[in-house]
Amino acid sequence: EVVSQTTAQPGDMLTFTITLVVTGSAANTVQVTDVLTSNLIFQTAGPVAGGGIVAFNSGTNTLTWNWPALTVGTYALTFQAQLGAVTCGMGISDNSQLTFAGLLTAQAAGAVVSVPCLTATPTSTPFPGKPVFFPNPADGDNTSMIFKLDNDAPEVKIKIFTTAFRKVQERSLFNLAAGNQVPVTIDLKDQWGARLANGLYYVILNNGPQQTAGKLLIAR
């Protein structure tokens, strides 16, 4: 089992791939299960080859793939999950298990995603223009943000949206020079002065026609 990225921050979308290899002869009554941790929010599963079906049980947070039989070959099982509220510095493990008729002991596989702590000022953003927040998740009334500009900007607009794309805050920074910007304090209140609720938010930066976005999780 592999994951699309081995380090992540709250709100990131992760793609997990479980590779199933059938050798020698066909396997009967094949089942693969994957119990997602509470930190992973299931989004969608990819198509299933070989005549199998996939189902997700939201009560147990479990994905299950089933086949009456699988012929010799290699099969890729994929699903997407969003990283939810986590404590920075921890590792998120996802584990899957394979059973089929005649197998005495279930076979297991897994993937790990680490969540680095962003509590100190980073020296630069990981990608030009993409904002980085610290701390993230934010657990107080404000957080800090840095970002990088490729060119001088007379005005950069900062807009914060809920996951339903309801705008809760907008502000502007003026006359910024190109390069990494000094940390900007983000007040975690809406435009009417009310404290933002816990949850995931999208922070969008507009520099003229250019736009980039980051994800900020509030978990007080």
N, C-alpha and C. Protein backbone atom coordinates (compact mmCIF):
# COMPACT_ATOMS: atom_id res chain seq x y z
N GLU A 1 0.85 -1.19 0.00
CA GLU A 1 0.00 0.00 0.00
C GLU A 1 0.89 1.24 0.00
N VAL A 2 0.54 2.23 -0.83
CA VAL A 2 1.29 3.48 -0.90
C VAL A 2 0.30 4.63 -0.84
N VAL A 3 0.82 5.83 -0.50
CA VAL A 3 -0.01 7.02 -0.42
C VAL A 3 0.63 8.10 -1.29
N SER A 4 -0.19 8.99 -1.81
CA SER A 4 0.27 9.99 -2.78
C SER A 4 1.29 10.97 -2.21
N GLN A 5 1.27 11.22 -0.90
CA GLN A 5 2.27 12.06 -0.27
C GLN A 5 2.51 11.57 1.15
N THR A 6 3.78 11.59 1.56
CA THR A 6 4.14 11.03 2.86
C THR A 6 4.14 12.07 3.97
N THR A 7 4.05 13.34 3.63
CA THR A 7 3.84 14.39 4.62
C THR A 7 2.63 15.21 4.19
N ALA A 8 1.86 15.68 5.16
CA ALA A 8 0.63 16.39 4.83
C ALA A 8 0.25 17.31 5.98
N GLN A 9 -0.69 18.21 5.69
CA GLN A 9 -1.26 19.12 6.67
C GLN A 9 -2.78 18.94 6.66
N PRO A 10 -3.46 19.32 7.74
CA PRO A 10 -4.92 19.17 7.77
C PRO A 10 -5.59 19.80 6.55
N GLY A 11 -6.53 19.08 5.98
CA GLY A 11 -7.23 19.55 4.79
C GLY A 11 -6.68 18.98 3.50
N ASP A 12 -5.46 18.42 3.53
CA ASP A 12 -4.88 17.85 2.31
C ASP A 12 -5.67 16.62 1.87
N MET A 13 -5.78 16.45 0.55
CA MET A 13 -6.44 15.28 -0.01
C MET A 13 -5.39 14.23 -0.35
N LEU A 14 -5.57 13.02 0.14
CA LEU A 14 -4.60 11.95 -0.03
C LEU A 14 -5.22 10.84 -0.86
N THR A 15 -4.41 10.26 -1.76
CA THR A 15 -4.84 9.11 -2.56
C THR A 15 -4.05 7.89 -2.12
N PHE A 16 -4.75 6.86 -1.70
CA PHE A 16 -4.13 5.61 -1.27
C PHE A 16 -4.31 4.57 -2.37
N THR A 17 -3.25 3.79 -2.62
CA THR A 17 -3.29 2.74 -3.63
C THR A 17 -2.85 1.43 -3.00
N ILE A 18 -3.71 0.44 -3.06
CA ILE A 18 -3.40 -0.91 -2.58
C ILE A 18 -3.22 -1.80 -3.81
N THR A 19 -2.06 -2.42 -3.94
CA THR A 19 -1.78 -3.28 -5.09
C THR A 19 -1.98 -4.73 -4.69
N LEU A 20 -2.84 -5.41 -5.42
CA LEU A 20 -3.20 -6.80 -5.16
C LEU A 20 -2.67 -7.65 -6.31
N VAL A 21 -1.81 -8.61 -5.99
CA VAL A 21 -1.19 -9.46 -7.02
C VAL A 21 -1.64 -10.90 -6.82
N VAL A 22 -2.26 -11.48 -7.85
CA VAL A 22 -2.70 -12.88 -7.82
C VAL A 22 -1.75 -13.68 -8.71
N THR A 23 -1.11 -14.68 -8.14
CA THR A 23 -0.14 -15.49 -8.89
C THR A 23 -0.54 -16.96 -8.83
N GLY A 24 -0.01 -17.74 -9.76
CA GLY A 24 -0.20 -19.20 -9.75
C GLY A 24 -1.53 -19.63 -10.30
N SER A 25 -2.59 -19.34 -9.59
CA SER A 25 -3.94 -19.73 -10.02
C SER A 25 -4.93 -18.73 -9.46
N ALA A 26 -6.16 -18.83 -9.92
CA ALA A 26 -7.19 -17.89 -9.49
C ALA A 26 -7.44 -18.01 -7.98
N ALA A 27 -7.83 -16.90 -7.38
CA ALA A 27 -8.18 -16.87 -5.96
C ALA A 27 -9.69 -16.70 -5.83
N ASN A 28 -10.29 -17.40 -4.90
CA ASN A 28 -11.74 -17.36 -4.71
C ASN A 28 -12.11 -16.65 -3.41
N THR A 29 -13.30 -16.06 -3.42
CA THR A 29 -13.85 -15.36 -2.24
C THR A 29 -12.81 -14.38 -1.68
N VAL A 30 -12.42 -13.45 -2.52
CA VAL A 30 -11.37 -12.49 -2.16
C VAL A 30 -12.00 -11.27 -1.50
N GLN A 31 -11.40 -10.85 -0.39
CA GLN A 31 -11.88 -9.66 0.30
C GLN A 31 -10.69 -8.84 0.80
N VAL A 32 -10.75 -7.53 0.55
CA VAL A 32 -9.78 -6.59 1.10
C VAL A 32 -10.53 -5.59 1.96
N THR A 33 -10.07 -5.38 3.18
CA THR A 33 -10.70 -4.39 4.07
C THR A 33 -9.68 -3.35 4.47
N ASP A 34 -10.15 -2.14 4.69
CA ASP A 34 -9.30 -1.03 5.13
C ASP A 34 -10.11 -0.20 6.12
N VAL A 35 -9.68 -0.22 7.38
CA VAL A 35 -10.34 0.57 8.42
C VAL A 35 -9.60 1.90 8.55
N LEU A 36 -10.23 2.98 8.12
CA LEU A 36 -9.61 4.30 8.17
C LEU A 36 -9.58 4.81 9.62
N THR A 37 -8.50 5.47 9.99
CA THR A 37 -8.44 6.09 11.30
C THR A 37 -9.41 7.28 11.33
N SER A 38 -9.71 7.75 12.54
CA SER A 38 -10.65 8.86 12.68
C SER A 38 -10.10 10.15 12.09
N ASN A 39 -8.78 10.20 11.82
CA ASN A 39 -8.17 11.40 11.25
C ASN A 39 -8.35 11.48 9.73
N LEU A 40 -8.79 10.38 9.12
CA LEU A 40 -8.96 10.33 7.67
C LEU A 40 -10.45 10.36 7.35
N ILE A 41 -10.84 11.31 6.51
CA ILE A 41 -12.24 11.49 6.12
C ILE A 41 -12.42 10.94 4.71
N PHE A 42 -13.11 9.82 4.60
CA PHE A 42 -13.28 9.17 3.30
C PHE A 42 -14.00 10.08 2.31
N GLN A 43 -13.50 10.07 1.06
CA GLN A 43 -14.11 10.88 0.00
C GLN A 43 -14.70 10.01 -1.10
N THR A 44 -13.87 9.19 -1.73
CA THR A 44 -14.36 8.39 -2.85
C THR A 44 -13.41 7.22 -3.10
N ALA A 45 -13.95 6.17 -3.70
CA ALA A 45 -13.14 5.01 -4.10
C ALA A 45 -13.07 4.94 -5.62
N GLY A 46 -11.94 4.46 -6.12
CA GLY A 46 -11.76 4.35 -7.57
C GLY A 46 -12.49 3.13 -8.13
N PRO A 47 -12.50 3.01 -9.47
CA PRO A 47 -13.16 1.86 -10.10
C PRO A 47 -12.48 0.55 -9.70
N VAL A 48 -13.27 -0.51 -9.68
CA VAL A 48 -12.77 -1.82 -9.24
C VAL A 48 -12.75 -2.76 -10.45
N ALA A 49 -11.57 -3.30 -10.75
CA ALA A 49 -11.44 -4.23 -11.87
C ALA A 49 -11.76 -5.65 -11.42
N GLY A 50 -11.90 -6.54 -12.39
CA GLY A 50 -12.08 -7.96 -12.09
C GLY A 50 -13.47 -8.33 -11.62
N GLY A 51 -14.45 -7.45 -11.83
CA GLY A 51 -15.81 -7.77 -11.44
C GLY A 51 -16.08 -7.63 -9.96
N GLY A 52 -15.24 -6.89 -9.27
CA GLY A 52 -15.44 -6.71 -7.84
C GLY A 52 -16.33 -5.53 -7.51
N ILE A 53 -16.69 -5.43 -6.25
CA ILE A 53 -17.49 -4.30 -5.77
C ILE A 53 -16.80 -3.72 -4.55
N VAL A 54 -17.02 -2.43 -4.31
CA VAL A 54 -16.45 -1.77 -3.15
C VAL A 54 -17.58 -1.06 -2.40
N ALA A 55 -17.50 -1.07 -1.08
CA ALA A 55 -18.50 -0.41 -0.25
C ALA A 55 -17.81 0.25 0.92
N PHE A 56 -18.39 1.37 1.38
CA PHE A 56 -17.85 2.07 2.54
C PHE A 56 -18.90 2.11 3.63
N ASN A 57 -18.52 1.68 4.84
CA ASN A 57 -19.39 1.71 6.01
C ASN A 57 -19.00 2.91 6.85
N SER A 58 -19.83 3.95 6.85
CA SER A 58 -19.50 5.16 7.57
C SER A 58 -19.54 4.96 9.09
N GLY A 59 -20.29 3.98 9.54
CA GLY A 59 -20.37 3.72 10.97
C GLY A 59 -19.08 3.18 11.55
N THR A 60 -18.39 2.34 10.77
CA THR A 60 -17.13 1.76 11.22
C THR A 60 -15.92 2.36 10.50
N ASN A 61 -16.18 3.29 9.58
CA ASN A 61 -15.12 3.94 8.80
C ASN A 61 -14.30 2.90 8.02
N THR A 62 -14.99 1.92 7.46
CA THR A 62 -14.32 0.78 6.82
C THR A 62 -14.67 0.68 5.34
N LEU A 63 -13.63 0.51 4.53
CA LEU A 63 -13.78 0.21 3.11
C LEU A 63 -13.64 -1.29 2.92
N THR A 64 -14.50 -1.87 2.08
CA THR A 64 -14.43 -3.31 1.81
C THR A 64 -14.57 -3.56 0.31
N TRP A 65 -13.62 -4.32 -0.24
CA TRP A 65 -13.69 -4.76 -1.62
C TRP A 65 -13.95 -6.27 -1.62
N ASN A 66 -14.83 -6.73 -2.51
CA ASN A 66 -15.15 -8.16 -2.59
C ASN A 66 -15.16 -8.63 -4.03
N TRP A 67 -14.65 -9.87 -4.25
CA TRP A 67 -14.71 -10.54 -5.54
C TRP A 67 -15.09 -12.01 -5.31
N PRO A 68 -15.98 -12.54 -6.12
CA PRO A 68 -16.23 -13.99 -6.04
C PRO A 68 -14.98 -14.78 -6.40
N ALA A 69 -14.25 -14.26 -7.39
CA ALA A 69 -13.00 -14.89 -7.82
C ALA A 69 -12.16 -13.86 -8.55
N LEU A 70 -10.85 -14.04 -8.48
CA LEU A 70 -9.92 -13.17 -9.20
C LEU A 70 -8.93 -14.04 -9.97
N THR A 71 -8.81 -13.77 -11.26
CA THR A 71 -7.84 -14.49 -12.06
C THR A 71 -6.43 -13.94 -11.81
N VAL A 72 -5.44 -14.67 -12.32
CA VAL A 72 -4.04 -14.25 -12.16
C VAL A 72 -3.85 -12.87 -12.78
N GLY A 73 -3.21 -12.00 -12.05
CA GLY A 73 -2.98 -10.64 -12.55
C GLY A 73 -2.70 -9.68 -11.41
N THR A 74 -2.55 -8.40 -11.76
CA THR A 74 -2.27 -7.35 -10.79
C THR A 74 -3.43 -6.36 -10.80
N TYR A 75 -3.90 -6.02 -9.62
CA TYR A 75 -5.07 -5.15 -9.47
C TYR A 75 -4.73 -3.99 -8.53
N ALA A 76 -5.10 -2.79 -8.95
CA ALA A 76 -4.86 -1.59 -8.14
C ALA A 76 -6.17 -1.09 -7.55
N LEU A 77 -6.22 -1.00 -6.23
CA LEU A 77 -7.40 -0.49 -5.53
C LEU A 77 -7.05 0.90 -5.01
N THR A 78 -7.85 1.88 -5.35
CA THR A 78 -7.55 3.26 -4.93
C THR A 78 -8.73 3.87 -4.19
N PHE A 79 -8.40 4.79 -3.29
CA PHE A 79 -9.43 5.61 -2.65
C PHE A 79 -8.80 6.92 -2.21
N GLN A 80 -9.65 7.92 -2.04
CA GLN A 80 -9.20 9.23 -1.58
C GLN A 80 -9.79 9.53 -0.22
N ALA A 81 -8.97 10.15 0.63
CA ALA A 81 -9.42 10.58 1.95
C ALA A 81 -8.78 11.93 2.26
N GLN A 82 -9.50 12.74 3.00
CA GLN A 82 -8.99 14.05 3.40
C GLN A 82 -8.47 13.96 4.83
N LEU A 83 -7.31 14.58 5.05
CA LEU A 83 -6.74 14.59 6.39
C LEU A 83 -7.49 15.59 7.25
N GLY A 84 -8.03 15.10 8.35
CA GLY A 84 -8.81 15.95 9.25
C GLY A 84 -7.96 16.52 10.37
N ALA A 85 -8.57 16.73 11.52
CA ALA A 85 -7.87 17.32 12.66
C ALA A 85 -6.84 16.34 13.20
N VAL A 86 -5.61 16.80 13.33
CA VAL A 86 -4.52 15.97 13.84
C VAL A 86 -3.63 16.81 14.73
N THR A 87 -2.84 16.12 15.53
CA THR A 87 -1.82 16.78 16.34
C THR A 87 -0.52 16.75 15.55
N CYS A 88 0.10 17.91 15.38
CA CYS A 88 1.32 17.95 14.58
C CYS A 88 2.39 17.09 15.25
N GLY A 89 3.24 16.51 14.41
CA GLY A 89 4.30 15.64 14.89
C GLY A 89 3.91 14.18 14.91
N MET A 90 2.63 13.88 14.72
CA MET A 90 2.18 12.49 14.76
C MET A 90 2.20 11.87 13.36
N GLY A 91 2.18 10.56 13.31
CA GLY A 91 2.08 9.85 12.05
C GLY A 91 0.71 9.21 11.93
N ILE A 92 0.12 9.29 10.75
CA ILE A 92 -1.20 8.70 10.49
C ILE A 92 -0.99 7.41 9.71
N SER A 93 -1.41 6.29 10.28
CA SER A 93 -1.24 4.99 9.63
C SER A 93 -2.56 4.54 9.01
N ASP A 94 -2.47 4.02 7.79
CA ASP A 94 -3.62 3.39 7.16
C ASP A 94 -3.24 1.95 6.87
N ASN A 95 -4.07 1.01 7.30
CA ASN A 95 -3.74 -0.41 7.18
C ASN A 95 -4.86 -1.16 6.48
N SER A 96 -4.45 -2.04 5.56
CA SER A 96 -5.41 -2.86 4.82
C SER A 96 -5.11 -4.34 5.07
N GLN A 97 -6.12 -5.17 4.81
CA GLN A 97 -5.99 -6.60 5.09
C GLN A 97 -6.64 -7.40 3.98
N LEU A 98 -5.98 -8.47 3.56
CA LEU A 98 -6.45 -9.33 2.47
C LEU A 98 -6.78 -10.72 3.00
N THR A 99 -7.94 -11.24 2.60
CA THR A 99 -8.29 -12.64 2.87
C THR A 99 -8.86 -13.26 1.59
N PHE A 100 -8.70 -14.57 1.46
CA PHE A 100 -9.35 -15.30 0.38
C PHE A 100 -9.44 -16.77 0.78
N ALA A 101 -10.23 -17.51 0.06
CA ALA A 101 -10.47 -18.91 0.40
C ALA A 101 -9.16 -19.68 0.40
N GLY A 102 -8.90 -20.41 1.50
CA GLY A 102 -7.68 -21.22 1.60
C GLY A 102 -6.52 -20.51 2.25
N LEU A 103 -6.62 -19.20 2.46
CA LEU A 103 -5.54 -18.45 3.11
C LEU A 103 -5.66 -18.63 4.62
N LEU A 104 -4.61 -19.13 5.25
CA LEU A 104 -4.67 -19.41 6.68
C LEU A 104 -4.55 -18.16 7.53
N THR A 105 -3.69 -17.23 7.10
CA THR A 105 -3.47 -16.01 7.88
C THR A 105 -3.68 -14.80 6.97
N ALA A 106 -4.48 -13.86 7.40
CA ALA A 106 -4.73 -12.66 6.60
C ALA A 106 -3.43 -11.91 6.34
N GLN A 107 -3.30 -11.37 5.14
CA GLN A 107 -2.12 -10.60 4.78
C GLN A 107 -2.41 -9.11 4.96
N ALA A 108 -1.43 -8.41 5.51
CA ALA A 108 -1.63 -6.99 5.82
C ALA A 108 -0.63 -6.11 5.10
N ALA A 109 -1.04 -4.86 4.87
CA ALA A 109 -0.16 -3.85 4.27
C ALA A 109 -0.56 -2.50 4.86
N GLY A 110 0.30 -1.52 4.71
CA GLY A 110 -0.03 -0.22 5.28
C GLY A 110 0.81 0.91 4.70
N ALA A 111 0.35 2.14 4.97
CA ALA A 111 1.06 3.34 4.54
C ALA A 111 0.97 4.35 5.69
N VAL A 112 2.00 5.19 5.79
CA VAL A 112 2.07 6.16 6.89
C VAL A 112 2.25 7.57 6.31
N VAL A 113 1.49 8.52 6.86
CA VAL A 113 1.61 9.93 6.50
C VAL A 113 2.03 10.68 7.77
N SER A 114 3.09 11.46 7.67
CA SER A 114 3.54 12.24 8.82
C SER A 114 3.02 13.67 8.71
N VAL A 115 2.78 14.29 9.87
CA VAL A 115 2.24 15.65 9.94
C VAL A 115 3.27 16.52 10.66
N PRO A 116 4.12 17.24 9.90
CA PRO A 116 5.14 18.06 10.56
C PRO A 116 4.52 19.24 11.30
N CYS A 117 5.19 19.66 12.35
CA CYS A 117 4.74 20.81 13.12
C CYS A 117 5.19 22.10 12.44
N LEU A 118 4.26 23.02 12.24
CA LEU A 118 4.57 24.33 11.67
C LEU A 118 4.32 25.38 12.75
N THR A 119 5.11 25.31 13.81
CA THR A 119 4.93 26.23 14.93
C THR A 119 5.93 27.36 14.91
N ALA A 120 6.97 27.23 14.13
CA ALA A 120 7.97 28.29 14.01
C ALA A 120 7.93 28.83 12.59
N THR A 121 8.48 30.01 12.39
CA THR A 121 8.44 30.65 11.08
C THR A 121 9.24 29.85 10.06
N PRO A 122 8.61 29.32 9.01
CA PRO A 122 9.36 28.65 7.97
C PRO A 122 10.26 29.64 7.24
N THR A 123 11.35 29.14 6.65
CA THR A 123 12.25 30.03 5.92
C THR A 123 11.69 30.40 4.55
N SER A 124 10.83 29.56 4.01
CA SER A 124 10.21 29.86 2.72
C SER A 124 8.98 28.99 2.56
N THR A 125 8.16 29.31 1.59
CA THR A 125 7.00 28.48 1.32
C THR A 125 7.44 27.28 0.48
N PRO A 126 6.71 26.13 0.58
CA PRO A 126 7.11 24.97 -0.20
C PRO A 126 6.93 25.17 -1.70
N PHE A 127 5.98 25.99 -2.09
CA PHE A 127 5.75 26.27 -3.50
C PHE A 127 5.57 27.77 -3.67
N PRO A 128 6.12 28.35 -4.75
CA PRO A 128 5.94 29.80 -4.96
C PRO A 128 4.48 30.19 -4.93
N GLY A 129 4.17 31.18 -4.09
CA GLY A 129 2.83 31.71 -4.06
C GLY A 129 1.89 31.03 -3.10
N LYS A 130 2.16 29.76 -2.75
CA LYS A 130 1.22 29.03 -1.89
C LYS A 130 1.42 29.44 -0.43
N PRO A 131 0.37 29.84 0.26
CA PRO A 131 0.53 30.28 1.65
C PRO A 131 0.76 29.11 2.60
N VAL A 132 1.54 29.37 3.63
CA VAL A 132 1.80 28.40 4.69
C VAL A 132 1.36 29.03 6.01
N PHE A 133 0.65 28.26 6.83
CA PHE A 133 0.12 28.77 8.10
C PHE A 133 0.83 28.09 9.27
N PHE A 134 1.05 28.83 10.33
CA PHE A 134 1.64 28.24 11.53
C PHE A 134 1.15 29.02 12.74
N PRO A 135 0.59 28.33 13.75
CA PRO A 135 0.37 26.88 13.74
C PRO A 135 -0.80 26.48 12.86
N ASN A 136 -0.80 25.26 12.41
CA ASN A 136 -1.88 24.69 11.61
C ASN A 136 -1.97 23.20 11.94
N PRO A 137 -2.97 22.79 12.71
CA PRO A 137 -4.20 23.48 13.07
C PRO A 137 -3.97 24.66 14.01
N ALA A 138 -4.82 25.67 13.86
CA ALA A 138 -4.79 26.83 14.75
C ALA A 138 -5.66 26.55 15.96
N ASP A 139 -5.12 26.86 17.14
CA ASP A 139 -5.86 26.54 18.36
C ASP A 139 -6.17 27.77 19.22
N GLY A 140 -5.98 28.96 18.63
CA GLY A 140 -6.24 30.19 19.38
C GLY A 140 -7.09 31.15 18.58
N ASP A 141 -6.87 32.43 18.79
CA ASP A 141 -7.66 33.45 18.11
C ASP A 141 -6.98 34.01 16.87
N ASN A 142 -5.75 33.55 16.58
CA ASN A 142 -5.07 33.98 15.35
C ASN A 142 -4.04 32.95 14.96
N THR A 143 -3.57 33.07 13.75
CA THR A 143 -2.48 32.25 13.25
C THR A 143 -1.62 33.14 12.36
N SER A 144 -0.48 32.65 11.93
CA SER A 144 0.41 33.44 11.07
C SER A 144 0.50 32.79 9.70
N MET A 145 0.79 33.58 8.70
CA MET A 145 0.86 33.10 7.33
C MET A 145 2.05 33.73 6.63
N ILE A 146 2.77 32.93 5.84
CA ILE A 146 3.76 33.49 4.93
C ILE A 146 3.44 33.01 3.52
N PHE A 147 3.90 33.77 2.55
CA PHE A 147 3.72 33.39 1.16
C PHE A 147 4.81 34.07 0.34
N LYS A 148 4.93 33.67 -0.89
CA LYS A 148 5.99 34.19 -1.75
C LYS A 148 5.38 34.84 -2.99
N LEU A 149 5.94 35.99 -3.35
CA LEU A 149 5.52 36.69 -4.58
C LEU A 149 6.63 36.63 -5.61
N ASP A 150 6.27 36.32 -6.84
CA ASP A 150 7.26 36.33 -7.92
C ASP A 150 7.54 37.75 -8.41
N ASN A 151 6.58 38.65 -8.19
CA ASN A 151 6.73 40.03 -8.65
C ASN A 151 6.20 40.98 -7.58
N ASP A 152 6.60 42.24 -7.69
CA ASP A 152 6.04 43.26 -6.79
C ASP A 152 4.53 43.31 -6.97
N ALA A 153 3.81 43.58 -5.89
CA ALA A 153 2.35 43.60 -5.95
C ALA A 153 1.82 44.85 -5.28
N PRO A 154 1.07 45.68 -6.01
CA PRO A 154 0.46 46.85 -5.37
C PRO A 154 -0.61 46.47 -4.36
N GLU A 155 -1.27 45.32 -4.58
CA GLU A 155 -2.30 44.87 -3.65
C GLU A 155 -2.45 43.36 -3.72
N VAL A 156 -2.50 42.71 -2.56
CA VAL A 156 -2.80 41.29 -2.46
C VAL A 156 -4.04 41.15 -1.56
N LYS A 157 -5.09 40.56 -2.10
CA LYS A 157 -6.31 40.35 -1.34
C LYS A 157 -6.27 38.98 -0.68
N ILE A 158 -6.66 38.93 0.58
CA ILE A 158 -6.74 37.69 1.35
C ILE A 158 -8.20 37.42 1.65
N LYS A 159 -8.72 36.30 1.19
CA LYS A 159 -10.12 35.94 1.41
C LYS A 159 -10.19 34.58 2.08
N ILE A 160 -11.04 34.47 3.09
CA ILE A 160 -11.21 33.21 3.81
C ILE A 160 -12.63 32.70 3.57
N PHE A 161 -12.72 31.42 3.17
CA PHE A 161 -14.00 30.80 2.86
C PHE A 161 -14.18 29.54 3.69
N THR A 162 -15.42 29.22 4.01
CA THR A 162 -15.75 27.91 4.57
C THR A 162 -15.68 26.87 3.46
N THR A 163 -15.82 25.59 3.83
CA THR A 163 -15.82 24.54 2.81
C THR A 163 -17.06 24.60 1.93
N ALA A 164 -18.08 25.34 2.36
CA ALA A 164 -19.26 25.58 1.53
C ALA A 164 -19.08 26.82 0.66
N PHE A 165 -17.84 27.38 0.69
CA PHE A 165 -17.46 28.57 -0.08
C PHE A 165 -18.30 29.79 0.29
N ARG A 166 -18.57 29.91 1.58
CA ARG A 166 -19.16 31.14 2.11
C ARG A 166 -18.02 32.02 2.63
N LYS A 167 -17.90 33.22 2.09
CA LYS A 167 -16.80 34.09 2.49
C LYS A 167 -17.05 34.64 3.88
N VAL A 168 -16.04 34.47 4.75
CA VAL A 168 -16.19 34.94 6.13
C VAL A 168 -15.24 36.09 6.46
N GLN A 169 -14.26 36.32 5.60
CA GLN A 169 -13.33 37.41 5.88
C GLN A 169 -12.62 37.84 4.58
N GLU A 170 -12.35 39.13 4.47
CA GLU A 170 -11.55 39.64 3.35
C GLU A 170 -10.75 40.84 3.83
N ARG A 171 -9.48 40.89 3.44
CA ARG A 171 -8.62 42.01 3.77
C ARG A 171 -7.61 42.16 2.65
N SER A 172 -6.87 43.27 2.65
CA SER A 172 -5.87 43.53 1.61
C SER A 172 -4.55 43.94 2.25
N LEU A 173 -3.46 43.55 1.57
CA LEU A 173 -2.11 44.01 1.88
C LEU A 173 -1.63 44.84 0.70
N PHE A 174 -0.94 45.93 0.96
CA PHE A 174 -0.59 46.85 -0.10
C PHE A 174 0.94 47.01 -0.24
N ASN A 175 1.35 47.25 -1.51
CA ASN A 175 2.73 47.61 -1.85
C ASN A 175 3.73 46.60 -1.32
N LEU A 176 3.59 45.35 -1.78
CA LEU A 176 4.47 44.27 -1.35
C LEU A 176 5.56 44.04 -2.40
N ALA A 177 6.78 43.83 -1.94
CA ALA A 177 7.89 43.54 -2.84
C ALA A 177 7.96 42.04 -3.12
N ALA A 178 8.57 41.69 -4.24
CA ALA A 178 8.72 40.28 -4.61
C ALA A 178 9.57 39.55 -3.57
N GLY A 179 9.31 38.24 -3.45
CA GLY A 179 10.09 37.42 -2.53
C GLY A 179 9.23 36.87 -1.41
N ASN A 180 9.87 36.22 -0.43
CA ASN A 180 9.16 35.69 0.72
C ASN A 180 8.69 36.83 1.61
N GLN A 181 7.44 36.80 1.99
CA GLN A 181 6.88 37.87 2.79
C GLN A 181 7.05 37.59 4.28
N VAL A 182 7.16 38.64 5.07
CA VAL A 182 7.23 38.48 6.52
C VAL A 182 5.90 37.88 7.00
N PRO A 183 5.89 37.18 8.14
CA PRO A 183 4.65 36.58 8.61
C PRO A 183 3.53 37.60 8.77
N VAL A 184 2.36 37.23 8.29
CA VAL A 184 1.17 38.05 8.39
C VAL A 184 0.24 37.40 9.42
N THR A 185 -0.23 38.17 10.38
CA THR A 185 -1.15 37.64 11.38
C THR A 185 -2.56 37.57 10.80
N ILE A 186 -3.16 36.40 10.89
CA ILE A 186 -4.54 36.19 10.43
C ILE A 186 -5.45 36.11 11.64
N ASP A 187 -6.33 37.07 11.77
CA ASP A 187 -7.30 37.10 12.86
C ASP A 187 -8.41 36.11 12.56
N LEU A 188 -8.64 35.17 13.46
CA LEU A 188 -9.61 34.11 13.21
C LEU A 188 -11.01 34.53 13.65
N LYS A 189 -11.46 35.64 13.07
CA LYS A 189 -12.81 36.13 13.27
C LYS A 189 -13.40 36.45 11.90
N ASP A 190 -14.71 36.43 11.82
CA ASP A 190 -15.32 36.76 10.54
C ASP A 190 -15.41 38.27 10.37
N GLN A 191 -15.95 38.71 9.24
CA GLN A 191 -15.97 40.14 8.93
C GLN A 191 -16.92 40.93 9.81
N TRP A 192 -17.70 40.21 10.66
CA TRP A 192 -18.59 40.89 11.61
C TRP A 192 -18.04 40.85 13.03
N GLY A 193 -16.83 40.25 13.19
CA GLY A 193 -16.18 40.22 14.49
C GLY A 193 -16.45 38.98 15.31
N ALA A 194 -17.21 38.03 14.77
CA ALA A 194 -17.51 36.79 15.51
C ALA A 194 -16.37 35.79 15.32
N ARG A 195 -16.09 35.04 16.37
CA ARG A 195 -15.02 34.04 16.33
C ARG A 195 -15.37 32.93 15.34
N LEU A 196 -14.41 32.57 14.48
CA LEU A 196 -14.65 31.51 13.51
C LEU A 196 -14.77 30.17 14.22
N ALA A 197 -15.72 29.37 13.77
CA ALA A 197 -15.96 28.06 14.37
C ALA A 197 -14.84 27.09 13.98
N ASN A 198 -14.71 26.04 14.77
CA ASN A 198 -13.76 24.98 14.42
C ASN A 198 -14.12 24.38 13.07
N GLY A 199 -13.11 23.99 12.31
CA GLY A 199 -13.34 23.38 11.02
C GLY A 199 -12.27 23.78 10.01
N LEU A 200 -12.48 23.34 8.78
CA LEU A 200 -11.55 23.59 7.70
C LEU A 200 -11.97 24.84 6.92
N TYR A 201 -10.98 25.67 6.56
CA TYR A 201 -11.23 26.89 5.79
C TYR A 201 -10.24 26.96 4.62
N TYR A 202 -10.70 27.58 3.54
CA TYR A 202 -9.84 27.86 2.40
C TYR A 202 -9.43 29.33 2.45
N VAL A 203 -8.14 29.57 2.34
CA VAL A 203 -7.61 30.93 2.31
C VAL A 203 -7.09 31.20 0.91
N ILE A 204 -7.71 32.16 0.23
CA ILE A 204 -7.38 32.45 -1.17
C ILE A 204 -6.69 33.80 -1.25
N LEU A 205 -5.56 33.82 -1.95
CA LEU A 205 -4.81 35.05 -2.18
C LEU A 205 -4.96 35.46 -3.63
N ASN A 206 -5.31 36.72 -3.85
CA ASN A 206 -5.42 37.28 -5.20
C ASN A 206 -4.40 38.38 -5.38
N ASN A 207 -3.55 38.21 -6.39
CA ASN A 207 -2.57 39.21 -6.78
C ASN A 207 -2.87 39.60 -8.22
N GLY A 208 -3.78 40.56 -8.38
CA GLY A 208 -4.24 40.88 -9.72
C GLY A 208 -4.95 39.67 -10.31
N PRO A 209 -4.55 39.24 -11.52
CA PRO A 209 -5.20 38.08 -12.13
C PRO A 209 -4.71 36.75 -11.56
N GLN A 210 -3.62 36.78 -10.77
CA GLN A 210 -3.08 35.54 -10.22
C GLN A 210 -3.79 35.16 -8.92
N GLN A 211 -3.96 33.85 -8.72
CA GLN A 211 -4.66 33.38 -7.52
C GLN A 211 -4.01 32.10 -7.02
N THR A 212 -3.90 31.97 -5.72
CA THR A 212 -3.42 30.74 -5.11
C THR A 212 -4.21 30.53 -3.82
N ALA A 213 -4.15 29.34 -3.28
CA ALA A 213 -4.96 29.03 -2.11
C ALA A 213 -4.24 28.08 -1.17
N GLY A 214 -4.62 28.16 0.10
CA GLY A 214 -4.12 27.24 1.11
C GLY A 214 -5.26 26.78 1.98
N LYS A 215 -5.00 25.77 2.81
CA LYS A 215 -6.02 25.22 3.70
C LYS A 215 -5.61 25.44 5.15
N LEU A 216 -6.55 25.92 5.94
CA LEU A 216 -6.32 26.21 7.34
C LEU A 216 -7.37 25.49 8.18
N LEU A 217 -6.91 24.76 9.18
CA LEU A 217 -7.83 24.06 10.08
C LEU A 217 -7.83 24.74 11.43
N ILE A 218 -9.01 25.04 11.95
CA ILE A 218 -9.15 25.60 13.30
C ILE A 218 -9.65 24.49 14.20
N ALA A 219 -8.89 24.19 15.25
CA ALA A 219 -9.24 23.12 16.19
C ALA A 219 -8.87 23.58 17.59
N ARG A 220 -9.76 24.34 18.21
CA ARG A 220 -9.49 24.87 19.55
C ARG A 220 -9.80 23.83 20.63
